[in-house]
Amino acid sequence: TTDAGGTDDARTPDLTLLREWARERLDA
């Protein structure tokens, strides 16, 4: 895969998304 900047094999993994969603909620 390629990200918007043209870098191969790049994306925001869903595991990172899970971390961010959980942390955002716990911080609130």
mmCIF file of all heavy atoms, coordinates in Angstrom:
data_MODEL
# 
_entry.id   MODEL 
# 
loop_
_atom_site.group_PDB 
_atom_site.id 
_atom_site.type_symbol 
_atom_site.label_atom_id 
_atom_site.label_alt_id 
_atom_site.label_comp_id 
_atom_site.label_asym_id 
_atom_site.label_entity_id 
_atom_site.label_seq_id 
_atom_site.pdbx_PDB_ins_code 
_atom_site.Cartn_x 
_atom_site.Cartn_y 
_atom_site.Cartn_z 
_atom_site.occupancy 
_atom_site.B_iso_or_equiv 
_atom_site.pdbx_formal_charge 
_atom_site.auth_seq_id 
_atom_site.auth_comp_id 
_atom_site.auth_asym_id 
_atom_site.auth_atom_id 
_atom_site.pdbx_PDB_model_num 
ATOM 1   N N   . THR A 1 1  ? 0.836   -1.193 0.000  1.00 0.00 ? 1  THR A N   1 
ATOM 2   C CA  . THR A 1 1  ? 0.000   0.000  0.000  1.00 0.00 ? 1  THR A CA  1 
ATOM 3   C C   . THR A 1 1  ? 0.869   1.240  0.000  1.00 0.00 ? 1  THR A C   1 
ATOM 4   O O   . THR A 1 1  ? 2.055   1.202  0.317  1.00 0.00 ? 1  THR A O   1 
ATOM 5   C CB  . THR A 1 1  ? -0.924  0.030  1.224  1.00 0.00 ? 1  THR A CB  1 
ATOM 6   O OG1 . THR A 1 1  ? -0.122  -0.008 2.410  1.00 0.00 ? 1  THR A OG1 1 
ATOM 7   C CG2 . THR A 1 1  ? -1.869  -1.159 1.218  1.00 0.00 ? 1  THR A CG2 1 
ATOM 8   N N   . THR A 1 2  ? 0.265   2.351  -0.354 1.00 0.00 ? 2  THR A N   1 
ATOM 9   C CA  . THR A 1 2  ? 0.988   3.620  -0.437 1.00 0.00 ? 2  THR A CA  1 
ATOM 10  C C   . THR A 1 2  ? 0.190   4.690  0.270  1.00 0.00 ? 2  THR A C   1 
ATOM 11  O O   . THR A 1 2  ? -1.024  4.777  0.089  1.00 0.00 ? 2  THR A O   1 
ATOM 12  C CB  . THR A 1 2  ? 1.199   4.032  -1.909 1.00 0.00 ? 2  THR A CB  1 
ATOM 13  O OG1 . THR A 1 2  ? 1.882   2.980  -2.578 1.00 0.00 ? 2  THR A OG1 1 
ATOM 14  C CG2 . THR A 1 2  ? 2.001   5.320  -1.999 1.00 0.00 ? 2  THR A CG2 1 
ATOM 15  N N   . ASP A 1 3  ? 0.860   5.507  1.082  1.00 0.00 ? 3  ASP A N   1 
ATOM 16  C CA  . ASP A 1 3  ? 0.133   6.571  1.758  1.00 0.00 ? 3  ASP A CA  1 
ATOM 17  C C   . ASP A 1 3  ? 0.047   7.804  0.875  1.00 0.00 ? 3  ASP A C   1 
ATOM 18  O O   . ASP A 1 3  ? 0.516   7.817  -0.256 1.00 0.00 ? 3  ASP A O   1 
ATOM 19  C CB  . ASP A 1 3  ? 0.769   6.890  3.116  1.00 0.00 ? 3  ASP A CB  1 
ATOM 20  C CG  . ASP A 1 3  ? 2.144   7.558  2.985  1.00 0.00 ? 3  ASP A CG  1 
ATOM 21  O OD1 . ASP A 1 3  ? 2.558   7.841  1.846  1.00 0.00 ? 3  ASP A OD1 1 
ATOM 22  O OD2 . ASP A 1 3  ? 2.777   7.798  4.028  1.00 0.00 ? 3  ASP A OD2 1 
ATOM 23  N N   . ALA A 1 4  ? -0.566  8.867  1.403  1.00 0.00 ? 4  ALA A N   1 
ATOM 24  C CA  . ALA A 1 4  ? -0.796  10.074 0.603  1.00 0.00 ? 4  ALA A CA  1 
ATOM 25  C C   . ALA A 1 4  ? 0.513   10.727 0.172  1.00 0.00 ? 4  ALA A C   1 
ATOM 26  O O   . ALA A 1 4  ? 0.566   11.439 -0.826 1.00 0.00 ? 4  ALA A O   1 
ATOM 27  C CB  . ALA A 1 4  ? -1.643  11.068 1.402  1.00 0.00 ? 4  ALA A CB  1 
ATOM 28  N N   . GLY A 1 5  ? 1.581   10.508 0.920  1.00 0.00 ? 5  GLY A N   1 
ATOM 29  C CA  . GLY A 1 5  ? 2.865   11.101 0.569  1.00 0.00 ? 5  GLY A CA  1 
ATOM 30  C C   . GLY A 1 5  ? 3.698   10.237 -0.349 1.00 0.00 ? 5  GLY A C   1 
ATOM 31  O O   . GLY A 1 5  ? 4.841   10.575 -0.657 1.00 0.00 ? 5  GLY A O   1 
ATOM 32  N N   . GLY A 1 6  ? 3.155   9.117  -0.782 1.00 0.00 ? 6  GLY A N   1 
ATOM 33  C CA  . GLY A 1 6  ? 3.858   8.269  -1.711 1.00 0.00 ? 6  GLY A CA  1 
ATOM 34  C C   . GLY A 1 6  ? 4.767   7.238  -1.077 1.00 0.00 ? 6  GLY A C   1 
ATOM 35  O O   . GLY A 1 6  ? 5.545   6.577  -1.752 1.00 0.00 ? 6  GLY A O   1 
ATOM 36  N N   . THR A 1 7  ? 4.669   7.088  0.247  1.00 0.00 ? 7  THR A N   1 
ATOM 37  C CA  . THR A 1 7  ? 5.512   6.114  0.938  1.00 0.00 ? 7  THR A CA  1 
ATOM 38  C C   . THR A 1 7  ? 4.882   4.738  0.887  1.00 0.00 ? 7  THR A C   1 
ATOM 39  O O   . THR A 1 7  ? 3.718   4.580  1.234  1.00 0.00 ? 7  THR A O   1 
ATOM 40  C CB  . THR A 1 7  ? 5.708   6.527  2.408  1.00 0.00 ? 7  THR A CB  1 
ATOM 41  O OG1 . THR A 1 7  ? 6.280   7.839  2.437  1.00 0.00 ? 7  THR A OG1 1 
ATOM 42  C CG2 . THR A 1 7  ? 6.633   5.561  3.121  1.00 0.00 ? 7  THR A CG2 1 
ATOM 43  N N   . ASP A 1 8  ? 5.633   3.751  0.456  1.00 0.00 ? 8  ASP A N   1 
ATOM 44  C CA  . ASP A 1 8  ? 5.115   2.393  0.375  1.00 0.00 ? 8  ASP A CA  1 
ATOM 45  C C   . ASP A 1 8  ? 4.868   1.817  1.764  1.00 0.00 ? 8  ASP A C   1 
ATOM 46  O O   . ASP A 1 8  ? 5.544   2.173  2.733  1.00 0.00 ? 8  ASP A O   1 
ATOM 47  C CB  . ASP A 1 8  ? 6.084   1.484  -0.382 1.00 0.00 ? 8  ASP A CB  1 
ATOM 48  C CG  . ASP A 1 8  ? 6.125   1.814  -1.868 1.00 0.00 ? 8  ASP A CG  1 
ATOM 49  O OD1 . ASP A 1 8  ? 5.159   2.438  -2.341 1.00 0.00 ? 8  ASP A OD1 1 
ATOM 50  O OD2 . ASP A 1 8  ? 7.127   1.458  -2.523 1.00 0.00 ? 8  ASP A OD2 1 
ATOM 51  N N   . ASP A 1 9  ? 3.934   0.878  1.813  1.00 0.00 ? 9  ASP A N   1 
ATOM 52  C CA  . ASP A 1 9  ? 3.661   0.123  3.028  1.00 0.00 ? 9  ASP A CA  1 
ATOM 53  C C   . ASP A 1 9  ? 3.376   1.029  4.232  1.00 0.00 ? 9  ASP A C   1 
ATOM 54  O O   . ASP A 1 9  ? 3.860   0.808  5.335  1.00 0.00 ? 9  ASP A O   1 
ATOM 55  C CB  . ASP A 1 9  ? 4.837   -0.790 3.381  1.00 0.00 ? 9  ASP A CB  1 
ATOM 56  C CG  . ASP A 1 9  ? 5.049   -1.857 2.314  1.00 0.00 ? 9  ASP A CG  1 
ATOM 57  O OD1 . ASP A 1 9  ? 4.153   -2.014 1.475  1.00 0.00 ? 9  ASP A OD1 1 
ATOM 58  O OD2 . ASP A 1 9  ? 6.098   -2.508 2.347  1.00 0.00 ? 9  ASP A OD2 1 
ATOM 59  N N   . ALA A 1 10 ? 2.581   2.073  4.037  1.00 0.00 ? 10 ALA A N   1 
ATOM 60  C CA  . ALA A 1 10 ? 2.312   2.995  5.143  1.00 0.00 ? 10 ALA A CA  1 
ATOM 61  C C   . ALA A 1 10 ? 0.817   3.214  5.300  1.00 0.00 ? 10 ALA A C   1 
ATOM 62  O O   . ALA A 1 10 ? 0.101   3.386  4.333  1.00 0.00 ? 10 ALA A O   1 
ATOM 63  C CB  . ALA A 1 10 ? 3.002   4.334  4.897  1.00 0.00 ? 10 ALA A CB  1 
ATOM 64  N N   . ARG A 1 11 ? 0.361   3.169  6.526  1.00 0.00 ? 11 ARG A N   1 
ATOM 65  C CA  . ARG A 1 11 ? -1.007  3.529  6.882  1.00 0.00 ? 11 ARG A CA  1 
ATOM 66  C C   . ARG A 1 11 ? -1.068  3.661  8.395  1.00 0.00 ? 11 ARG A C   1 
ATOM 67  O O   . ARG A 1 11 ? -0.112  3.311  9.087  1.00 0.00 ? 11 ARG A O   1 
ATOM 68  C CB  . ARG A 1 11 ? -2.009  2.463  6.424  1.00 0.00 ? 11 ARG A CB  1 
ATOM 69  C CG  . ARG A 1 11 ? -1.888  1.143  7.196  1.00 0.00 ? 11 ARG A CG  1 
ATOM 70  C CD  . ARG A 1 11 ? -2.909  0.142  6.730  1.00 0.00 ? 11 ARG A CD  1 
ATOM 71  N NE  . ARG A 1 11 ? -2.734  -1.142 7.383  1.00 0.00 ? 11 ARG A NE  1 
ATOM 72  C CZ  . ARG A 1 11 ? -3.306  -1.493 8.526  1.00 0.00 ? 11 ARG A CZ  1 
ATOM 73  N NH1 . ARG A 1 11 ? -4.075  -0.637 9.165  1.00 0.00 ? 11 ARG A NH1 1 
ATOM 74  N NH2 . ARG A 1 11 ? -3.101  -2.683 9.043  1.00 0.00 ? 11 ARG A NH2 1 
ATOM 75  N N   . THR A 1 12 ? -2.160  4.173  8.913  1.00 0.00 ? 12 THR A N   1 
ATOM 76  C CA  . THR A 1 12 ? -2.360  4.175  10.356 1.00 0.00 ? 12 THR A CA  1 
ATOM 77  C C   . THR A 1 12 ? -3.034  2.866  10.718 1.00 0.00 ? 12 THR A C   1 
ATOM 78  O O   . THR A 1 12 ? -4.185  2.640  10.342 1.00 0.00 ? 12 THR A O   1 
ATOM 79  C CB  . THR A 1 12 ? -3.252  5.356  10.783 1.00 0.00 ? 12 THR A CB  1 
ATOM 80  O OG1 . THR A 1 12 ? -2.623  6.566  10.393 1.00 0.00 ? 12 THR A OG1 1 
ATOM 81  C CG2 . THR A 1 12 ? -3.453  5.350  12.284 1.00 0.00 ? 12 THR A CG2 1 
ATOM 82  N N   . PRO A 1 13 ? -2.370  1.971  11.415 1.00 0.00 ? 13 PRO A N   1 
ATOM 83  C CA  . PRO A 1 13 ? -2.963  0.667  11.700 1.00 0.00 ? 13 PRO A CA  1 
ATOM 84  C C   . PRO A 1 13 ? -4.159  0.796  12.624 1.00 0.00 ? 13 PRO A C   1 
ATOM 85  O O   . PRO A 1 13 ? -4.225  1.689  13.467 1.00 0.00 ? 13 PRO A O   1 
ATOM 86  C CB  . PRO A 1 13 ? -1.831  -0.104 12.368 1.00 0.00 ? 13 PRO A CB  1 
ATOM 87  C CG  . PRO A 1 13 ? -0.932  0.954  12.921 1.00 0.00 ? 13 PRO A CG  1 
ATOM 88  C CD  . PRO A 1 13 ? -1.026  2.110  11.974 1.00 0.00 ? 13 PRO A CD  1 
ATOM 89  N N   . ASP A 1 14 ? -5.116  -0.106 12.479 1.00 0.00 ? 14 ASP A N   1 
ATOM 90  C CA  . ASP A 1 14 ? -6.304  -0.076 13.310 1.00 0.00 ? 14 ASP A CA  1 
ATOM 91  C C   . ASP A 1 14 ? -5.964  -0.305 14.775 1.00 0.00 ? 14 ASP A C   1 
ATOM 92  O O   . ASP A 1 14 ? -6.692  0.126  15.657 1.00 0.00 ? 14 ASP A O   1 
ATOM 93  C CB  . ASP A 1 14 ? -7.308  -1.114 12.833 1.00 0.00 ? 14 ASP A CB  1 
ATOM 94  C CG  . ASP A 1 14 ? -7.975  -0.708 11.526 1.00 0.00 ? 14 ASP A CG  1 
ATOM 95  O OD1 . ASP A 1 14 ? -8.023  0.492  11.234 1.00 0.00 ? 14 ASP A OD1 1 
ATOM 96  O OD2 . ASP A 1 14 ? -8.439  -1.594 10.813 1.00 0.00 ? 14 ASP A OD2 1 
ATOM 97  N N   . LEU A 1 15 ? -4.876  -0.995 15.068 1.00 0.00 ? 15 LEU A N   1 
ATOM 98  C CA  . LEU A 1 15 ? -4.473  -1.167 16.452 1.00 0.00 ? 15 LEU A CA  1 
ATOM 99  C C   . LEU A 1 15 ? -4.155  0.182  17.079 1.00 0.00 ? 15 LEU A C   1 
ATOM 100 O O   . LEU A 1 15 ? -4.509  0.443  18.233 1.00 0.00 ? 15 LEU A O   1 
ATOM 101 C CB  . LEU A 1 15 ? -3.271  -2.103 16.543 1.00 0.00 ? 15 LEU A CB  1 
ATOM 102 C CG  . LEU A 1 15 ? -2.899  -2.567 17.951 1.00 0.00 ? 15 LEU A CG  1 
ATOM 103 C CD1 . LEU A 1 15 ? -4.022  -3.413 18.535 1.00 0.00 ? 15 LEU A CD1 1 
ATOM 104 C CD2 . LEU A 1 15 ? -1.599  -3.351 17.930 1.00 0.00 ? 15 LEU A CD2 1 
ATOM 105 N N   . THR A 1 16 ? -3.497  1.050  16.330 1.00 0.00 ? 16 THR A N   1 
ATOM 106 C CA  . THR A 1 16 ? -3.227  2.397  16.822 1.00 0.00 ? 16 THR A CA  1 
ATOM 107 C C   . THR A 1 16 ? -4.530  3.143  17.053 1.00 0.00 ? 16 THR A C   1 
ATOM 108 O O   . THR A 1 16 ? -4.682  3.878  18.028 1.00 0.00 ? 16 THR A O   1 
ATOM 109 C CB  . THR A 1 16 ? -2.348  3.169  15.826 1.00 0.00 ? 16 THR A CB  1 
ATOM 110 O OG1 . THR A 1 16 ? -1.089  2.511  15.711 1.00 0.00 ? 16 THR A OG1 1 
ATOM 111 C CG2 . THR A 1 16 ? -2.137  4.603  16.278 1.00 0.00 ? 16 THR A CG2 1 
ATOM 112 N N   . LEU A 1 17 ? -5.487  2.932  16.167 1.00 0.00 ? 17 LEU A N   1 
ATOM 113 C CA  . LEU A 1 17 ? -6.785  3.574  16.318 1.00 0.00 ? 17 LEU A CA  1 
ATOM 114 C C   . LEU A 1 17 ? -7.476  3.123  17.597 1.00 0.00 ? 17 LEU A C   1 
ATOM 115 O O   . LEU A 1 17 ? -8.071  3.926  18.318 1.00 0.00 ? 17 LEU A O   1 
ATOM 116 C CB  . LEU A 1 17 ? -7.666  3.242  15.102 1.00 0.00 ? 17 LEU A CB  1 
ATOM 117 C CG  . LEU A 1 17 ? -8.965  4.017  14.946 1.00 0.00 ? 17 LEU A CG  1 
ATOM 118 C CD1 . LEU A 1 17 ? -8.695  5.506  14.837 1.00 0.00 ? 17 LEU A CD1 1 
ATOM 119 C CD2 . LEU A 1 17 ? -9.714  3.537  13.713 1.00 0.00 ? 17 LEU A CD2 1 
ATOM 120 N N   . LEU A 1 18 ? -7.381  1.842  17.912 1.00 0.00 ? 18 LEU A N   1 
ATOM 121 C CA  . LEU A 1 18 ? -7.967  1.342  19.155 1.00 0.00 ? 18 LEU A CA  1 
ATOM 122 C C   . LEU A 1 18 ? -7.322  2.005  20.367 1.00 0.00 ? 18 LEU A C   1 
ATOM 123 O O   . LEU A 1 18 ? -8.003  2.376  21.325 1.00 0.00 ? 18 LEU A O   1 
ATOM 124 C CB  . LEU A 1 18 ? -7.816  -0.173 19.254 1.00 0.00 ? 18 LEU A CB  1 
ATOM 125 C CG  . LEU A 1 18 ? -8.468  -1.036 18.169 1.00 0.00 ? 18 LEU A CG  1 
ATOM 126 C CD1 . LEU A 1 18 ? -8.401  -2.496 18.578 1.00 0.00 ? 18 LEU A CD1 1 
ATOM 127 C CD2 . LEU A 1 18 ? -9.899  -0.630 17.912 1.00 0.00 ? 18 LEU A CD2 1 
ATOM 128 N N   . ARG A 1 19 ? -6.018  2.130  20.335 1.00 0.00 ? 19 ARG A N   1 
ATOM 129 C CA  . ARG A 1 19 ? -5.313  2.796  21.436 1.00 0.00 ? 19 ARG A CA  1 
ATOM 130 C C   . ARG A 1 19 ? -5.817  4.226  21.599 1.00 0.00 ? 19 ARG A C   1 
ATOM 131 O O   . ARG A 1 19 ? -6.116  4.683  22.714 1.00 0.00 ? 19 ARG A O   1 
ATOM 132 C CB  . ARG A 1 19 ? -3.814  2.848  21.163 1.00 0.00 ? 19 ARG A CB  1 
ATOM 133 C CG  . ARG A 1 19 ? -3.042  1.549  21.260 1.00 0.00 ? 19 ARG A CG  1 
ATOM 134 C CD  . ARG A 1 19 ? -1.575  1.859  20.971 1.00 0.00 ? 19 ARG A CD  1 
ATOM 135 N NE  . ARG A 1 19 ? -0.759  0.669  20.825 1.00 0.00 ? 19 ARG A NE  1 
ATOM 136 C CZ  . ARG A 1 19 ? -0.080  0.098  21.803 1.00 0.00 ? 19 ARG A CZ  1 
ATOM 137 N NH1 . ARG A 1 19 ? -0.165  0.595  23.019 1.00 0.00 ? 19 ARG A NH1 1 
ATOM 138 N NH2 . ARG A 1 19 ? 0.677   -0.963 21.583 1.00 0.00 ? 19 ARG A NH2 1 
ATOM 139 N N   . GLU A 1 20 ? -5.902  4.943  20.489 1.00 0.00 ? 20 GLU A N   1 
ATOM 140 C CA  . GLU A 1 20 ? -6.270  6.354  20.539 1.00 0.00 ? 20 GLU A CA  1 
ATOM 141 C C   . GLU A 1 20 ? -7.704  6.534  21.025 1.00 0.00 ? 20 GLU A C   1 
ATOM 142 O O   . GLU A 1 20 ? -7.986  7.426  21.838 1.00 0.00 ? 20 GLU A O   1 
ATOM 143 C CB  . GLU A 1 20 ? -6.092  6.984  19.158 1.00 0.00 ? 20 GLU A CB  1 
ATOM 144 C CG  . GLU A 1 20 ? -4.633  7.088  18.730 1.00 0.00 ? 20 GLU A CG  1 
ATOM 145 C CD  . GLU A 1 20 ? -4.494  7.571  17.296 1.00 0.00 ? 20 GLU A CD  1 
ATOM 146 O OE1 . GLU A 1 20 ? -5.517  7.649  16.577 1.00 0.00 ? 20 GLU A OE1 1 
ATOM 147 O OE2 . GLU A 1 20 ? -3.345  7.866  16.893 1.00 0.00 ? 20 GLU A OE2 1 
ATOM 148 N N   . TRP A 1 21 ? -8.618  5.697  20.526 1.00 0.00 ? 21 TRP A N   1 
ATOM 149 C CA  . TRP A 1 21 ? -10.016 5.819  20.943 1.00 0.00 ? 21 TRP A CA  1 
ATOM 150 C C   . TRP A 1 21 ? -10.172 5.530  22.421 1.00 0.00 ? 21 TRP A C   1 
ATOM 151 O O   . TRP A 1 21 ? -10.875 6.246  23.138 1.00 0.00 ? 21 TRP A O   1 
ATOM 152 C CB  . TRP A 1 21 ? -10.884 4.868  20.122 1.00 0.00 ? 21 TRP A CB  1 
ATOM 153 C CG  . TRP A 1 21 ? -11.194 5.366  18.745 1.00 0.00 ? 21 TRP A CG  1 
ATOM 154 C CD1 . TRP A 1 21 ? -10.852 6.570  18.219 1.00 0.00 ? 21 TRP A CD1 1 
ATOM 155 C CD2 . TRP A 1 21 ? -11.894 4.664  17.727 1.00 0.00 ? 21 TRP A CD2 1 
ATOM 156 N NE1 . TRP A 1 21 ? -11.287 6.665  16.925 1.00 0.00 ? 21 TRP A NE1 1 
ATOM 157 C CE2 . TRP A 1 21 ? -11.933 5.510  16.596 1.00 0.00 ? 21 TRP A CE2 1 
ATOM 158 C CE3 . TRP A 1 21 ? -12.469 3.402  17.652 1.00 0.00 ? 21 TRP A CE3 1 
ATOM 159 C CZ2 . TRP A 1 21 ? -12.556 5.128  15.417 1.00 0.00 ? 21 TRP A CZ2 1 
ATOM 160 C CZ3 . TRP A 1 21 ? -13.092 3.015  16.469 1.00 0.00 ? 21 TRP A CZ3 1 
ATOM 161 C CH2 . TRP A 1 21 ? -13.144 3.876  15.361 1.00 0.00 ? 21 TRP A CH2 1 
ATOM 162 N N   . ALA A 1 22 ? -9.519  4.488  22.903 1.00 0.00 ? 22 ALA A N   1 
ATOM 163 C CA  . ALA A 1 22 ? -9.630  4.147  24.321 1.00 0.00 ? 22 ALA A CA  1 
ATOM 164 C C   . ALA A 1 22 ? -9.021  5.232  25.196 1.00 0.00 ? 22 ALA A C   1 
ATOM 165 O O   . ALA A 1 22 ? -9.615  5.656  26.196 1.00 0.00 ? 22 ALA A O   1 
ATOM 166 C CB  . ALA A 1 22 ? -8.960  2.809  24.594 1.00 0.00 ? 22 ALA A CB  1 
ATOM 167 N N   . ARG A 1 23 ? -7.836  5.712  24.850 1.00 0.00 ? 23 ARG A N   1 
ATOM 168 C CA  . ARG A 1 23 ? -7.159  6.724  25.650 1.00 0.00 ? 23 ARG A CA  1 
ATOM 169 C C   . ARG A 1 23 ? -7.962  8.026  25.690 1.00 0.00 ? 23 ARG A C   1 
ATOM 170 O O   . ARG A 1 23 ? -8.071  8.659  26.746 1.00 0.00 ? 23 ARG A O   1 
ATOM 171 C CB  . ARG A 1 23 ? -5.769  6.978  25.085 1.00 0.00 ? 23 ARG A CB  1 
ATOM 172 C CG  . ARG A 1 23 ? -4.866  7.805  25.967 1.00 0.00 ? 23 ARG A CG  1 
ATOM 173 C CD  . ARG A 1 23 ? -4.530  7.081  27.244 1.00 0.00 ? 23 ARG A CD  1 
ATOM 174 N NE  . ARG A 1 23 ? -5.297  7.566  28.377 1.00 0.00 ? 23 ARG A NE  1 
ATOM 175 C CZ  . ARG A 1 23 ? -5.282  7.020  29.574 1.00 0.00 ? 23 ARG A CZ  1 
ATOM 176 N NH1 . ARG A 1 23 ? -4.564  5.952  29.813 1.00 0.00 ? 23 ARG A NH1 1 
ATOM 177 N NH2 . ARG A 1 23 ? -5.995  7.521  30.562 1.00 0.00 ? 23 ARG A NH2 1 
ATOM 178 N N   . GLU A 1 24 ? -8.526  8.407  24.547 1.00 0.00 ? 24 GLU A N   1 
ATOM 179 C CA  . GLU A 1 24 ? -9.341  9.627  24.499 1.00 0.00 ? 24 GLU A CA  1 
ATOM 180 C C   . GLU A 1 24 ? -10.514 9.538  25.469 1.00 0.00 ? 24 GLU A C   1 
ATOM 181 O O   . GLU A 1 24 ? -10.827 10.500 26.180 1.00 0.00 ? 24 GLU A O   1 
ATOM 182 C CB  . GLU A 1 24 ? -9.860  9.847  23.080 1.00 0.00 ? 24 GLU A CB  1 
ATOM 183 C CG  . GLU A 1 24 ? -10.760 11.067 22.936 1.00 0.00 ? 24 GLU A CG  1 
ATOM 184 C CD  . GLU A 1 24 ? -11.394 11.181 21.564 1.00 0.00 ? 24 GLU A CD  1 
ATOM 185 O OE1 . GLU A 1 24 ? -11.484 10.155 20.851 1.00 0.00 ? 24 GLU A OE1 1 
ATOM 186 O OE2 . GLU A 1 24 ? -11.812 12.294 21.207 1.00 0.00 ? 24 GLU A OE2 1 
ATOM 187 N N   . ARG A 1 25 ? -11.154 8.396  25.522 1.00 0.00 ? 25 ARG A N   1 
ATOM 188 C CA  . ARG A 1 25 ? -12.314 8.224  26.399 1.00 0.00 ? 25 ARG A CA  1 
ATOM 189 C C   . ARG A 1 25 ? -11.908 8.177  27.871 1.00 0.00 ? 25 ARG A C   1 
ATOM 190 O O   . ARG A 1 25 ? -12.577 8.773  28.720 1.00 0.00 ? 25 ARG A O   1 
ATOM 191 C CB  . ARG A 1 25 ? -13.081 6.972  25.975 1.00 0.00 ? 25 ARG A CB  1 
ATOM 192 C CG  . ARG A 1 25 ? -13.928 7.216  24.734 1.00 0.00 ? 25 ARG A CG  1 
ATOM 193 C CD  . ARG A 1 25 ? -14.156 5.986  23.877 1.00 0.00 ? 25 ARG A CD  1 
ATOM 194 N NE  . ARG A 1 25 ? -14.981 6.344  22.721 1.00 0.00 ? 25 ARG A NE  1 
ATOM 195 C CZ  . ARG A 1 25 ? -14.500 6.978  21.645 1.00 0.00 ? 25 ARG A CZ  1 
ATOM 196 N NH1 . ARG A 1 25 ? -13.217 7.325  21.585 1.00 0.00 ? 25 ARG A NH1 1 
ATOM 197 N NH2 . ARG A 1 25 ? -15.297 7.271  20.643 1.00 0.00 ? 25 ARG A NH2 1 
ATOM 198 N N   . LEU A 1 26 ? -10.838 7.508  28.175 1.00 0.00 ? 26 LEU A N   1 
ATOM 199 C CA  . LEU A 1 26 ? -10.401 7.417  29.562 1.00 0.00 ? 26 LEU A CA  1 
ATOM 200 C C   . LEU A 1 26 ? -9.899  8.760  30.084 1.00 0.00 ? 26 LEU A C   1 
ATOM 201 O O   . LEU A 1 26 ? -10.055 9.072  31.270 1.00 0.00 ? 26 LEU A O   1 
ATOM 202 C CB  . LEU A 1 26 ? -9.329  6.348  29.704 1.00 0.00 ? 26 LEU A CB  1 
ATOM 203 C CG  . LEU A 1 26 ? -9.800  4.915  29.426 1.00 0.00 ? 26 LEU A CG  1 
ATOM 204 C CD1 . LEU A 1 26 ? -8.633  3.937  29.505 1.00 0.00 ? 26 LEU A CD1 1 
ATOM 205 C CD2 . LEU A 1 26 ? -10.901 4.498  30.388 1.00 0.00 ? 26 LEU A CD2 1 
ATOM 206 N N   . ASP A 1 27 ? -9.314  9.559  29.220 1.00 0.00 ? 27 ASP A N   1 
ATOM 207 C CA  . ASP A 1 27 ? -8.851  10.883 29.635 1.00 0.00 ? 27 ASP A CA  1 
ATOM 208 C C   . ASP A 1 27 ? -10.012 11.830 29.930 1.00 0.00 ? 27 ASP A C   1 
ATOM 209 O O   . ASP A 1 27 ? -9.815  12.855 30.588 1.00 0.00 ? 27 ASP A O   1 
ATOM 210 C CB  . ASP A 1 27 ? -7.966  11.502 28.550 1.00 0.00 ? 27 ASP A CB  1 
ATOM 211 C CG  . ASP A 1 27 ? -6.589  10.863 28.485 1.00 0.00 ? 27 ASP A CG  1 
ATOM 212 O OD1 . ASP A 1 27 ? -6.206  10.165 29.446 1.00 0.00 ? 27 ASP A OD1 1 
ATOM 213 O OD2 . ASP A 1 27 ? -5.900  11.045 27.461 1.00 0.00 ? 27 ASP A OD2 1 
ATOM 214 N N   . ALA A 1 28 ? -11.209 11.503 29.449 1.00 0.00 ? 28 ALA A N   1 
ATOM 215 C CA  . ALA A 1 28 ? -12.357 12.391 29.607 1.00 0.00 ? 28 ALA A CA  1 
ATOM 216 C C   . ALA A 1 28 ? -13.214 12.057 30.829 1.00 0.00 ? 28 ALA A C   1 
ATOM 217 O O   . ALA A 1 28 ? -14.201 12.748 31.084 1.00 0.00 ? 28 ALA A O   1 
ATOM 218 C CB  . ALA A 1 28 ? -13.226 12.330 28.348 1.00 0.00 ? 28 ALA A CB  1 
# 
